[in-house]
Amino acid sequence: MSFPLLTATAVLPAIGAIATAAVPAARRTAAKWLALLVSIATLALAIVVLVRFDPDGARYQLTESHAWIADFGVRYELGVDGIGVALLALTALLIPFIILAGWHDADPLETGSKRWRPTQGFFALILGVEAMVIISFEATDVFLFYIFFEAMLIPMYFLIGGFGDRAHAGSDENAAAQRSYAAVKFLLYNLVGGLIMLAAVIGLYVVAGNFSLQEIAEARANGTLDMATNTERWLFLGFFFAFAVKAPLWPLHTWLPNAMGEATAPVAVLITAVVDKVGTFAMLRFCLQLFPEASKWATPAILVLAVISIIYGALLAVGQRDIKRLVAYASISHFGFIIMGIFAMTSQGQSGATLYMVNHGISTAALMLVAGFLISRRGSRLIADYGGVQKVAPVLAGTFLIGGLATLSLPGLAPFVSEFLVLVGTFARYPVIGIIATFGIVLAALYTLVLYQRTMTGPVKPEVSAMPDLRVRELVVVAPLVVLLIFLGVYPKPVTDIVNPAVKSTMSDVHKKDPKPEVEAAK
C-alpha cells in the first residue's frame, strides 16, 4: 500500500492540535513552538502533494478509498484535482504565518486581570481548523465532506468568541458581549446552512444510492442516473445555500463583518482566507459536478446576487470607520467576483475564480495581518485614531500599502490577473453583468486609498508618535506574502497550469464551451 499522503496532511495538524493542547499550562512558549513546527511540517507535506500532482494526469490523484459505514454507502475517499491541490497548498502556506502573527494574541492578560487566555487552546484550535479545512479540500465522498464542513464551525466558534481583538483587551463586559454575539451569529448562520445541506445530502443518497462524488458524477454523465428536473434543482439549492453562507454571498453575508471585527487579526485571516474558501471551492466541486443542469438553471439569479455582493460590499467598505470591518466588507466584494467567475460558465471565468481564491487568500492575509500589527500598537480599530504613521513606522506603512494595492487589484500584483480573467470570462457570456461588476474596481480603489490616506499620511498624531516599526517576527510574517503577491502578479503560470485542466473538466461536467468571439467580417 502506498503512503497515504493526503491523509497525512490532515492527520498531522490534528495530532499537533491534540499535542499542543496537552502541553502543561506553564509551558506556553513550548506550545507555540510546537504548533509552529507542526504547521511547517504540514506545509512540507503539502509541497510534496503539489510536486507529486500531475496537472496532465487523471482528474483526481493521490486517491485513497476505504470502507467506512458500509450499510449506508459511506466511504473514506480522498483525492485532489488541480483546484483542490491549489487551495490545500494555500491553506498549508498561510497557517504558519497565522501562528507567527498571533504569537502573543493568547498570552495572559495584564497582571491582576481575572481573565486568562489559554495559549495552548488558541494554537490547538488553529491547527484543528487547518486539519478540517484540508480534508474538506480532499474529500470525494459527499458525506465525509459534510462532516468536516460542519465540524470546523466548532473550533472557529471558540476562536471568535474566546479570543477577542487586542483592541478590546481589559475593556468592560460590552466587549465580551460583542465577541459572544459575533461567535453565536457565525455559528447559527452556518449551522442553518449546514442543516439544509444535510437534508440535500440525504436526498442525494436516496436518489443515487451512495455518496461517492466520482461514481455519482460518472453515472450522471453516462445516463445511468437520471434525476428528475425538480429533484435536481431542490438538491442543488440545498447544497448551494450552505456554500453561499460560508462563501459569504449577499444576503447571507452579515455574519462576516461581526466575526472578523471581533476576532483577532490572525483569526480574521483564518476566517476569510482559509475557511470561507471551502464554500467557493465546494460550488465548483459539488454544485457544478453533481447538478450540472440545475447549475445552469440557477446561473442568472446567482450572477445577480454575485454582482450585488461586489457593489454592496465595496460601497459599505467605503463608509467604514473600523479598519477590520472595512477589510471584511472588501472580502464580501471579492467573494462576489469569485462566485461570478464560477457561474459565468467560461474557462477564463472559472480559472480566474480559482486563481482569485489563491490570490485573495494571500492579499487579505498581508493586509489584515499588517492591520493587526498596527491595531496592537495603538489599541484601536478606528481609522480616525490614526494619522502620519508612515513618518514614524515607514516599513509598516509600506507593507500596508502593498497589501492595500493588492486588494484593489493593481496591475503587477497577484489579484489583478485573477480579477481580469473573471471579468473577461463574465463579459464573454454576460456583458451587462461584467460591465456592472467593473464598478467594483473603482470602489475598491476608493476605499483602499482613503484608508491609507487617513491612517498613514498627514500630520503625526500624538498617540502614534512613538509607534515602533515592524519587528523581526512581524517582518518574517509579512515579507514572504509581499514576495508572493509580486511573483504571482508577474508570473501566475505555476498556478494556472495546475488549475486549468481541472477547470476544463468542470466545464465538461456542465456541458459548456467558451463562446466564440464575435468578429465583424472584413468588408
Protein backbone atom coordinates (compact mmCIF):
# COMPACT_ATOMS: atom_id res chain seq x y z
CA MET A 1 0.00 0.00 0.00
CA SER A 2 1.39 3.40 -0.95
CA PHE A 3 1.86 6.04 1.72
CA PRO A 4 -1.48 7.82 2.40
CA LEU A 5 -0.15 11.28 1.67
CA LEU A 6 -3.49 13.08 1.67
CA THR A 7 -4.50 11.53 4.98
CA ALA A 8 -1.15 12.56 6.45
CA THR A 9 -1.66 16.21 5.50
CA ALA A 10 -4.87 16.29 7.54
CA VAL A 11 -3.87 13.96 10.38
CA LEU A 12 -0.61 15.74 11.16
CA PRO A 13 -2.21 19.06 12.20
CA ALA A 14 -4.97 17.13 14.02
CA ILE A 15 -2.36 15.28 16.10
CA GLY A 16 -0.48 18.54 16.52
CA ALA A 17 -3.65 20.17 17.87
CA ILE A 18 -4.05 17.45 20.50
CA ALA A 19 -0.37 17.61 21.45
CA THR A 20 -0.42 21.41 21.70
CA ALA A 21 -3.50 21.36 23.91
CA ALA A 22 -1.80 18.82 26.18
CA VAL A 23 1.28 20.99 26.85
CA PRO A 24 1.36 22.00 30.56
CA ALA A 25 -0.13 25.40 31.33
CA ALA A 26 3.20 26.88 32.40
CA ARG A 27 4.88 25.96 29.10
CA ARG A 28 3.16 28.48 26.87
CA THR A 29 6.22 29.14 24.73
CA ALA A 30 6.72 25.42 24.14
CA ALA A 31 3.10 25.14 22.96
CA LYS A 32 3.66 27.99 20.49
CA TRP A 33 6.78 26.42 19.04
CA LEU A 34 5.14 23.01 18.82
CA ALA A 35 2.20 24.47 16.89
CA LEU A 36 4.53 26.38 14.56
CA LEU A 37 6.70 23.31 13.87
CA VAL A 38 3.61 21.17 13.15
CA SER A 39 2.29 23.78 10.73
CA ILE A 40 5.66 23.91 8.94
CA ALA A 41 5.74 20.10 8.72
CA THR A 42 2.20 20.19 7.26
CA LEU A 43 3.39 22.74 4.71
CA ALA A 44 6.23 20.38 3.78
CA LEU A 45 3.71 17.57 3.19
CA ALA A 46 1.55 19.92 1.11
CA ILE A 47 4.57 20.75 -1.03
CA VAL A 48 5.12 17.02 -1.58
CA VAL A 49 1.46 16.71 -2.67
CA LEU A 50 1.95 19.65 -5.01
CA VAL A 51 5.10 18.16 -6.52
CA ARG A 52 3.55 14.72 -7.00
CA PHE A 53 0.40 16.12 -8.58
CA ASP A 54 0.45 15.88 -12.38
CA PRO A 55 -1.77 18.54 -14.00
CA ASP A 56 -1.96 16.44 -17.17
CA GLY A 57 -2.78 13.23 -15.33
CA ALA A 58 -6.04 11.82 -14.01
CA ARG A 59 -8.62 14.28 -12.72
CA TYR A 60 -8.36 13.04 -9.13
CA GLN A 61 -4.93 11.94 -7.97
CA LEU A 62 -3.26 10.52 -4.85
CA THR A 63 -6.61 8.87 -4.20
CA GLU A 64 -7.47 6.84 -1.10
CA SER A 65 -10.58 4.74 -0.65
CA HIS A 66 -11.59 2.62 2.34
CA ALA A 67 -14.86 1.20 3.61
CA TRP A 68 -16.27 3.22 6.47
CA ILE A 69 -20.05 2.93 7.08
CA ALA A 70 -20.79 0.22 4.54
CA ASP A 71 -24.50 -0.14 5.36
CA PHE A 72 -25.11 3.45 4.24
CA GLY A 73 -22.68 3.55 1.37
CA VAL A 74 -20.28 5.92 3.17
CA ARG A 75 -16.61 5.56 2.29
CA TYR A 76 -13.44 7.28 3.36
CA GLU A 77 -12.50 8.60 -0.09
CA LEU A 78 -9.89 11.26 -0.75
CA GLY A 79 -8.46 12.72 -3.93
CA VAL A 80 -7.29 16.07 -5.23
CA ASP A 81 -7.78 17.80 -8.55
CA GLY A 82 -5.96 20.96 -9.63
CA ILE A 83 -8.37 23.22 -7.78
CA GLY A 84 -8.21 21.23 -4.55
CA VAL A 85 -4.43 20.94 -4.55
CA ALA A 86 -4.01 24.69 -5.10
CA LEU A 87 -6.27 25.50 -2.13
CA LEU A 88 -4.66 22.80 0.01
CA ALA A 89 -1.28 24.43 -0.65
CA LEU A 90 -2.70 27.88 0.15
CA THR A 91 -4.07 26.65 3.49
CA ALA A 92 -0.82 24.97 4.49
CA LEU A 93 1.12 28.08 3.46
CA LEU A 94 -0.96 30.56 5.46
CA ILE A 95 -1.22 28.68 8.77
CA PRO A 96 2.46 29.17 9.83
CA PHE A 97 2.10 32.92 9.18
CA ILE A 98 -1.18 32.99 11.11
CA ILE A 99 0.51 31.29 14.07
CA LEU A 100 3.51 33.62 13.97
CA ALA A 101 1.30 36.69 13.66
CA GLY A 102 -0.76 35.56 16.65
CA TRP A 103 2.29 34.69 18.76
CA HIS A 104 1.19 36.90 21.68
CA ASP A 105 -2.56 37.09 21.00
CA ALA A 106 -3.41 34.41 23.53
CA ASP A 107 -0.91 35.33 26.25
CA PRO A 108 -2.28 36.03 29.74
CA LEU A 109 -3.87 39.43 30.10
CA GLU A 110 -2.27 42.13 32.23
CA THR A 111 -1.35 41.39 35.82
CA GLY A 112 -4.35 41.41 38.08
CA SER A 113 -6.86 40.59 35.38
CA LYS A 114 -9.44 37.99 36.30
CA ARG A 115 -9.46 36.64 32.76
CA TRP A 116 -6.91 34.14 31.49
CA ARG A 117 -6.21 33.49 27.84
CA PRO A 118 -5.34 29.78 27.42
CA THR A 119 -2.44 29.96 24.98
CA GLN A 120 -2.35 26.24 24.31
CA GLY A 121 -6.02 26.18 23.39
CA PHE A 122 -5.67 29.07 20.94
CA PHE A 123 -2.96 27.40 18.87
CA ALA A 124 -4.54 23.96 19.16
CA LEU A 125 -7.80 25.33 17.74
CA ILE A 126 -5.96 26.88 14.78
CA LEU A 127 -4.33 23.53 13.97
CA GLY A 128 -7.69 21.81 14.36
CA VAL A 129 -9.27 24.16 11.82
CA GLU A 130 -6.37 23.54 9.44
CA ALA A 131 -6.91 19.77 9.62
CA MET A 132 -10.63 20.07 8.89
CA VAL A 133 -10.20 22.52 6.03
CA ILE A 134 -7.54 20.36 4.39
CA ILE A 135 -9.64 17.21 4.49
CA SER A 136 -12.58 19.22 3.09
CA PHE A 137 -10.44 20.04 0.05
CA GLU A 138 -9.53 16.35 -0.29
CA ALA A 139 -12.82 14.55 0.36
CA THR A 140 -14.51 12.94 -2.64
CA ASP A 141 -17.23 11.30 -0.55
CA VAL A 142 -20.10 13.76 -0.07
CA PHE A 143 -20.90 12.60 3.46
CA LEU A 144 -17.26 12.74 4.53
CA PHE A 145 -17.03 16.27 3.17
CA TYR A 146 -20.20 17.27 5.00
CA ILE A 147 -18.87 16.08 8.36
CA PHE A 148 -15.79 18.27 8.24
CA PHE A 149 -17.60 21.13 6.52
CA GLU A 150 -19.72 21.35 9.67
CA ALA A 151 -17.15 20.26 12.24
CA MET A 152 -14.85 23.21 11.51
CA LEU A 153 -17.55 25.50 12.95
CA ILE A 154 -16.79 24.30 16.49
CA PRO A 155 -13.15 25.44 16.78
CA MET A 156 -13.96 28.61 14.83
CA TYR A 157 -16.72 29.44 17.33
CA PHE A 158 -14.27 29.29 20.22
CA LEU A 159 -11.58 31.21 18.34
CA ILE A 160 -14.00 34.07 17.63
CA GLY A 161 -15.78 34.14 20.98
CA GLY A 162 -12.94 33.16 23.29
CA PHE A 163 -10.06 35.22 21.94
CA GLY A 164 -11.10 38.77 21.26
CA ASP A 165 -9.37 41.60 19.45
CA ARG A 166 -6.45 43.10 21.37
CA ALA A 167 -8.10 46.50 20.93
CA HIS A 168 -10.65 45.27 23.50
CA ALA A 169 -8.14 43.83 25.97
CA GLY A 170 -9.01 44.83 29.50
CA SER A 171 -12.25 46.51 28.44
CA ASP A 172 -15.68 46.16 30.00
CA GLU A 173 -18.31 43.47 29.66
CA ASN A 174 -19.66 45.08 26.50
CA ALA A 175 -16.60 43.91 24.55
CA ALA A 176 -17.11 40.33 25.74
CA ALA A 177 -20.78 40.55 24.78
CA GLN A 178 -19.82 41.73 21.28
CA ARG A 179 -17.44 38.80 20.85
CA SER A 180 -20.08 36.38 22.08
CA TYR A 181 -22.65 37.87 19.70
CA ALA A 182 -20.26 37.60 16.74
CA ALA A 183 -19.41 33.97 17.58
CA VAL A 184 -23.05 32.93 18.03
CA LYS A 185 -24.09 34.69 14.82
CA PHE A 186 -21.30 32.94 12.91
CA LEU A 187 -22.36 29.58 14.34
CA LEU A 188 -26.10 29.99 13.77
CA TYR A 189 -25.79 31.20 10.18
CA ASN A 190 -23.50 28.35 9.24
CA LEU A 191 -25.46 25.74 11.20
CA VAL A 192 -28.66 26.68 9.38
CA GLY A 193 -26.85 26.34 6.07
CA GLY A 194 -25.40 23.04 7.18
CA LEU A 195 -28.76 21.62 8.25
CA ILE A 196 -30.30 22.50 4.89
CA MET A 197 -27.34 20.86 3.20
CA LEU A 198 -27.79 17.75 5.35
CA ALA A 199 -31.32 17.37 4.02
CA ALA A 200 -29.92 17.67 0.49
CA VAL A 201 -27.17 15.12 1.24
CA ILE A 202 -29.79 12.64 2.43
CA GLY A 203 -31.89 13.36 -0.64
CA LEU A 204 -28.87 12.74 -2.86
CA TYR A 205 -28.34 9.36 -1.21
CA VAL A 206 -31.98 8.42 -1.75
CA VAL A 207 -31.65 9.24 -5.44
CA ALA A 208 -28.14 7.91 -6.10
CA GLY A 209 -27.75 5.12 -3.54
CA ASN A 210 -24.25 6.20 -2.47
CA PHE A 211 -22.19 9.25 -1.52
CA SER A 212 -19.24 8.85 -3.90
CA LEU A 213 -18.73 12.06 -5.87
CA GLN A 214 -16.95 10.29 -8.71
CA GLU A 215 -19.49 7.46 -9.01
CA ILE A 216 -22.46 9.81 -8.97
CA ALA A 217 -20.86 12.17 -11.49
CA GLU A 218 -19.98 9.28 -13.81
CA ALA A 219 -23.49 7.85 -13.54
CA ARG A 220 -24.95 11.24 -14.41
CA ALA A 221 -22.57 11.63 -17.34
CA ASN A 222 -23.32 8.21 -18.89
CA GLY A 223 -27.06 8.42 -18.27
CA THR A 224 -27.41 5.57 -15.77
CA LEU A 225 -28.54 8.05 -13.10
CA ASP A 226 -31.32 10.31 -14.31
CA MET A 227 -32.62 12.84 -11.79
CA ALA A 228 -35.98 14.48 -12.26
CA THR A 229 -35.60 18.17 -13.06
CA ASN A 230 -37.31 19.40 -9.90
CA THR A 231 -35.37 16.93 -7.74
CA GLU A 232 -32.05 18.11 -9.12
CA ARG A 233 -32.96 21.75 -8.60
CA TRP A 234 -34.02 21.25 -4.98
CA LEU A 235 -30.87 19.28 -4.21
CA PHE A 236 -28.74 21.94 -5.88
CA LEU A 237 -30.37 24.68 -3.82
CA GLY A 238 -29.74 22.73 -0.61
CA PHE A 239 -26.03 22.44 -1.36
CA PHE A 240 -25.66 25.94 -2.77
CA PHE A 241 -27.36 27.62 0.20
CA ALA A 242 -24.83 26.15 2.63
CA PHE A 243 -21.91 27.10 0.40
CA ALA A 244 -23.27 30.63 -0.14
CA VAL A 245 -23.43 31.18 3.63
CA LYS A 246 -19.85 30.02 4.03
CA ALA A 247 -18.63 31.98 0.98
CA PRO A 248 -20.25 34.53 2.01
CA LEU A 249 -22.71 35.71 -0.67
CA TRP A 250 -25.18 38.58 -0.26
CA PRO A 251 -27.65 38.48 1.51
CA LEU A 252 -26.22 35.65 3.63
CA HIS A 253 -23.05 37.59 4.45
CA THR A 254 -23.96 39.54 7.58
CA TRP A 255 -22.10 37.24 9.98
CA LEU A 256 -18.70 38.03 8.41
CA PRO A 257 -18.16 41.69 9.44
CA ASN A 258 -19.07 40.83 13.05
CA ALA A 259 -16.81 37.78 13.12
CA MET A 260 -13.81 39.49 11.53
CA GLY A 261 -14.29 42.64 13.57
CA GLU A 262 -14.33 40.89 16.93
CA ALA A 263 -11.74 38.19 16.24
CA THR A 264 -8.01 38.73 16.49
CA ALA A 265 -6.37 39.66 13.18
CA PRO A 266 -4.85 36.16 12.64
CA VAL A 267 -8.22 34.53 13.30
CA ALA A 268 -9.86 37.02 10.92
CA VAL A 269 -7.37 35.85 8.27
CA LEU A 270 -8.20 32.24 9.13
CA ILE A 271 -11.89 33.01 8.52
CA THR A 272 -11.74 34.83 5.21
CA ALA A 273 -8.53 33.50 3.64
CA VAL A 274 -8.96 29.83 4.62
CA VAL A 275 -12.37 28.75 5.95
CA ASP A 276 -14.53 30.78 3.57
CA LYS A 277 -12.67 29.30 0.59
CA VAL A 278 -14.32 25.96 1.37
CA GLY A 279 -17.64 27.47 0.28
CA THR A 280 -16.48 28.66 -3.15
CA PHE A 281 -14.43 25.51 -3.68
CA ALA A 282 -17.47 23.37 -2.96
CA MET A 283 -19.52 25.26 -5.54
CA LEU A 284 -17.04 24.11 -8.17
CA ARG A 285 -16.60 20.58 -6.90
CA PHE A 286 -20.11 19.63 -5.83
CA CYS A 287 -22.71 22.01 -7.27
CA LEU A 288 -21.41 22.03 -10.83
CA GLN A 289 -20.30 18.41 -10.93
CA LEU A 290 -23.31 16.79 -9.25
CA PHE A 291 -26.05 19.09 -10.55
CA PRO A 292 -24.96 20.45 -13.95
CA GLU A 293 -28.42 21.23 -15.31
CA ALA A 294 -29.60 22.88 -12.10
CA SER A 295 -26.39 24.92 -12.02
CA LYS A 296 -27.17 26.32 -15.46
CA TRP A 297 -30.79 26.92 -14.45
CA ALA A 298 -29.72 28.93 -11.37
CA THR A 299 -26.90 30.84 -13.07
CA PRO A 300 -28.80 34.08 -13.89
CA ALA A 301 -30.01 34.50 -10.30
CA ILE A 302 -26.60 33.66 -8.83
CA LEU A 303 -24.85 36.14 -11.11
CA VAL A 304 -27.24 38.86 -9.96
CA LEU A 305 -26.52 38.02 -6.32
CA ALA A 306 -22.78 37.97 -7.05
CA VAL A 307 -22.77 41.39 -8.68
CA ILE A 308 -24.85 42.78 -5.79
CA SER A 309 -22.20 41.39 -3.42
CA ILE A 310 -19.48 43.12 -5.43
CA ILE A 311 -21.07 46.56 -5.39
CA TYR A 312 -22.73 46.30 -1.96
CA GLY A 313 -19.56 45.08 -0.23
CA ALA A 314 -17.45 47.78 -1.85
CA LEU A 315 -19.92 50.56 -1.01
CA LEU A 316 -20.07 49.54 2.64
CA ALA A 317 -16.29 49.29 2.76
CA VAL A 318 -16.09 52.92 1.59
CA GLY A 319 -18.21 54.05 4.54
CA GLN A 320 -16.49 52.07 7.30
CA ARG A 321 -14.77 53.71 10.27
CA ASP A 322 -13.37 50.40 11.58
CA ILE A 323 -10.26 49.05 9.81
CA LYS A 324 -11.11 45.38 10.24
CA ARG A 325 -14.74 45.77 9.21
CA LEU A 326 -13.55 47.59 6.11
CA VAL A 327 -11.42 44.58 5.16
CA ALA A 328 -14.40 42.32 5.90
CA TYR A 329 -16.70 44.20 3.52
CA ALA A 330 -13.93 44.30 0.91
CA SER A 331 -13.76 40.50 1.19
CA ILE A 332 -17.51 40.24 0.59
CA SER A 333 -16.97 42.21 -2.61
CA HIS A 334 -14.08 39.95 -3.63
CA PHE A 335 -16.07 36.79 -2.98
CA GLY A 336 -18.70 38.22 -5.31
CA PHE A 337 -16.07 38.28 -8.04
CA ILE A 338 -15.12 34.66 -7.28
CA ILE A 339 -18.71 33.41 -7.43
CA MET A 340 -19.37 35.44 -10.57
CA GLY A 341 -16.36 33.79 -12.22
CA ILE A 342 -17.55 30.31 -11.23
CA PHE A 343 -21.05 30.76 -12.66
CA ALA A 344 -20.02 32.69 -15.75
CA MET A 345 -19.53 29.17 -17.16
CA THR A 346 -16.42 30.09 -19.13
CA SER A 347 -12.92 28.68 -18.79
CA GLN A 348 -11.47 32.18 -18.25
CA GLY A 349 -14.04 32.91 -15.56
CA GLN A 350 -13.52 29.66 -13.65
CA SER A 351 -9.72 29.79 -13.98
CA GLY A 352 -9.83 33.37 -12.76
CA ALA A 353 -12.14 32.43 -9.87
CA THR A 354 -9.81 29.65 -8.72
CA LEU A 355 -6.76 31.89 -9.08
CA TYR A 356 -8.72 34.60 -7.23
CA MET A 357 -9.24 32.24 -4.29
CA VAL A 358 -5.48 31.78 -4.00
CA ASN A 359 -4.59 35.42 -4.58
CA HIS A 360 -7.31 36.75 -2.30
CA GLY A 361 -6.03 34.50 0.47
CA ILE A 362 -2.52 35.92 0.14
CA SER A 363 -3.53 39.58 -0.29
CA THR A 364 -6.08 39.55 2.54
CA ALA A 365 -3.57 37.85 4.82
CA ALA A 366 -0.97 40.53 4.03
CA LEU A 367 -3.36 43.44 4.58
CA MET A 368 -5.17 42.10 7.64
CA LEU A 369 -2.06 40.91 9.45
CA VAL A 370 -0.32 44.27 8.98
CA ALA A 371 -3.54 45.94 10.13
CA GLY A 372 -3.43 43.70 13.18
CA PHE A 373 0.14 44.79 13.94
CA LEU A 374 -1.00 48.41 13.60
CA ILE A 375 -4.02 47.93 15.86
CA SER A 376 -1.98 46.14 18.54
CA ARG A 377 0.35 49.17 18.75
CA ARG A 378 -2.36 51.82 19.04
CA GLY A 379 -5.05 49.76 20.78
CA SER A 380 -7.80 50.97 18.46
CA ARG A 381 -9.53 49.74 15.30
CA LEU A 382 -10.94 53.15 14.39
CA ILE A 383 -9.46 54.78 11.30
CA ALA A 384 -9.86 58.22 12.85
CA ASP A 385 -7.42 57.35 15.65
CA TYR A 386 -4.50 57.15 13.21
CA GLY A 387 -2.57 59.60 11.08
CA GLY A 388 1.01 60.11 9.92
CA VAL A 389 2.06 56.52 10.63
CA GLN A 390 4.33 56.41 7.56
CA LYS A 391 6.60 59.02 9.17
CA VAL A 392 7.22 57.01 12.33
CA ALA A 393 6.88 53.42 11.01
CA PRO A 394 7.74 53.50 7.28
CA VAL A 395 8.14 49.74 6.84
CA LEU A 396 4.76 49.08 8.43
CA ALA A 397 3.19 51.74 6.24
CA GLY A 398 4.91 50.38 3.11
CA THR A 399 3.73 46.81 3.63
CA PHE A 400 0.25 48.11 4.47
CA LEU A 401 0.26 49.99 1.17
CA ILE A 402 1.29 46.90 -0.81
CA GLY A 403 -1.45 44.85 0.84
CA GLY A 404 -3.95 47.60 0.05
CA LEU A 405 -2.82 47.93 -3.56
CA ALA A 406 -3.18 44.17 -3.96
CA THR A 407 -6.71 44.45 -2.57
CA LEU A 408 -7.63 46.97 -5.28
CA SER A 409 -6.04 44.64 -7.88
CA LEU A 410 -3.23 46.92 -9.02
CA PRO A 411 -1.55 45.57 -12.20
CA GLY A 412 1.67 43.82 -11.27
CA LEU A 413 0.22 42.33 -8.09
CA ALA A 414 -1.39 38.88 -7.93
CA PRO A 415 -5.12 39.71 -7.63
CA PHE A 416 -5.08 41.76 -10.85
CA VAL A 417 -4.59 38.70 -13.06
CA SER A 418 -7.42 36.76 -11.44
CA GLU A 419 -9.85 39.70 -11.42
CA PHE A 420 -9.07 40.42 -15.07
CA LEU A 421 -9.75 36.79 -16.03
CA VAL A 422 -13.04 36.79 -14.11
CA LEU A 423 -14.21 39.97 -15.82
CA VAL A 424 -13.14 38.78 -19.29
CA GLY A 425 -14.82 35.41 -18.75
CA THR A 426 -18.01 37.03 -17.48
CA PHE A 427 -18.17 39.65 -20.21
CA ALA A 428 -17.81 36.98 -22.90
CA ARG A 429 -21.15 35.44 -21.92
CA TYR A 430 -22.89 38.07 -19.77
CA PRO A 431 -21.65 41.51 -20.88
CA VAL A 432 -24.10 43.54 -18.76
CA ILE A 433 -23.09 41.71 -15.57
CA GLY A 434 -19.42 42.17 -16.47
CA ILE A 435 -19.84 45.91 -17.02
CA ILE A 436 -21.67 46.44 -13.72
CA ALA A 437 -19.07 44.40 -11.82
CA THR A 438 -16.31 46.63 -13.17
CA PHE A 439 -17.57 49.44 -10.95
CA GLY A 440 -16.41 47.33 -8.01
CA ILE A 441 -12.83 48.00 -9.10
CA VAL A 442 -13.39 51.76 -8.94
CA LEU A 443 -14.91 51.49 -5.46
CA ALA A 444 -12.02 49.25 -4.34
CA ALA A 445 -9.55 51.95 -5.32
CA LEU A 446 -11.62 54.46 -3.34
CA TYR A 447 -11.85 52.56 -0.05
CA THR A 448 -8.24 51.36 -0.17
CA LEU A 449 -6.62 54.70 -0.95
CA VAL A 450 -8.84 56.59 1.50
CA LEU A 451 -7.92 54.07 4.21
CA TYR A 452 -4.21 54.54 3.52
CA GLN A 453 -4.50 58.32 3.36
CA ARG A 454 -6.35 58.63 6.66
CA THR A 455 -4.13 56.23 8.61
CA MET A 456 -0.66 56.62 7.14
CA THR A 457 -0.36 60.15 5.74
CA GLY A 458 -0.88 63.67 7.13
CA PRO A 459 0.29 65.09 10.43
CA VAL A 460 1.57 62.62 13.03
CA LYS A 461 -1.00 62.23 15.78
CA PRO A 462 0.44 62.31 19.31
CA GLU A 463 -0.88 58.80 20.03
CA VAL A 464 1.18 57.27 17.21
CA SER A 465 4.31 59.43 17.52
CA ALA A 466 6.18 56.72 19.45
CA MET A 467 4.82 53.80 17.43
CA PRO A 468 7.57 51.21 16.71
CA ASP A 469 8.12 49.86 13.23
CA LEU A 470 7.71 46.19 12.30
CA ARG A 471 9.77 43.83 14.40
CA VAL A 472 11.71 40.83 13.10
CA ARG A 473 8.91 38.33 13.78
CA GLU A 474 6.41 40.57 12.04
CA LEU A 475 8.70 41.04 9.05
CA VAL A 476 9.05 37.26 8.78
CA VAL A 477 5.25 37.10 8.55
CA VAL A 478 4.73 39.88 6.03
CA ALA A 479 7.78 39.72 3.72
CA PRO A 480 7.03 36.29 2.14
CA LEU A 481 3.42 37.33 1.48
CA VAL A 482 4.57 40.51 -0.26
CA VAL A 483 7.04 38.50 -2.36
CA LEU A 484 4.27 36.08 -3.37
CA LEU A 485 1.95 38.94 -4.32
CA ILE A 486 4.59 40.35 -6.65
CA PHE A 487 5.72 37.00 -8.04
CA LEU A 488 2.20 35.75 -8.85
CA GLY A 489 1.31 39.16 -10.21
CA VAL A 490 4.13 38.96 -12.72
CA TYR A 491 4.15 35.20 -13.32
CA PRO A 492 0.87 33.41 -12.45
CA LYS A 493 1.64 30.47 -14.75
CA PRO A 494 2.61 27.99 -11.96
CA VAL A 495 -0.91 28.23 -10.53
CA THR A 496 -2.84 28.45 -13.80
CA ASP A 497 -1.03 25.39 -15.17
CA ILE A 498 -2.32 23.40 -12.20
CA VAL A 499 -5.92 24.62 -12.19
CA ASN A 500 -6.69 24.87 -15.92
CA PRO A 501 -7.10 21.12 -16.57
CA ALA A 502 -9.49 20.87 -13.61
CA VAL A 503 -11.45 23.84 -14.93
CA LYS A 504 -11.67 22.15 -18.32
CA SER A 505 -13.15 19.07 -16.64
CA THR A 506 -15.67 21.22 -14.77
CA MET A 507 -16.73 22.91 -17.99
CA SER A 508 -17.23 19.46 -19.46
CA ASP A 509 -19.40 18.48 -16.48
CA VAL A 510 -21.86 21.26 -17.22
CA HIS A 511 -21.63 20.72 -20.98
CA LYS A 512 -20.46 24.28 -21.61
CA LYS A 513 -17.99 25.64 -24.15
CA ASP A 514 -16.48 29.08 -24.29
CA PRO A 515 -18.47 31.43 -26.52
CA LYS A 516 -16.74 32.28 -29.74
CA PRO A 517 -15.74 35.93 -30.08
CA GLU A 518 -17.95 37.87 -32.43
CA VAL A 519 -15.70 39.44 -35.03
CA GLU A 520 -17.18 41.61 -37.74
CA ALA A 521 -16.41 40.20 -41.15
CA ALA A 522 -13.93 42.25 -43.16
CA LYS A 523 -15.54 44.27 -45.92
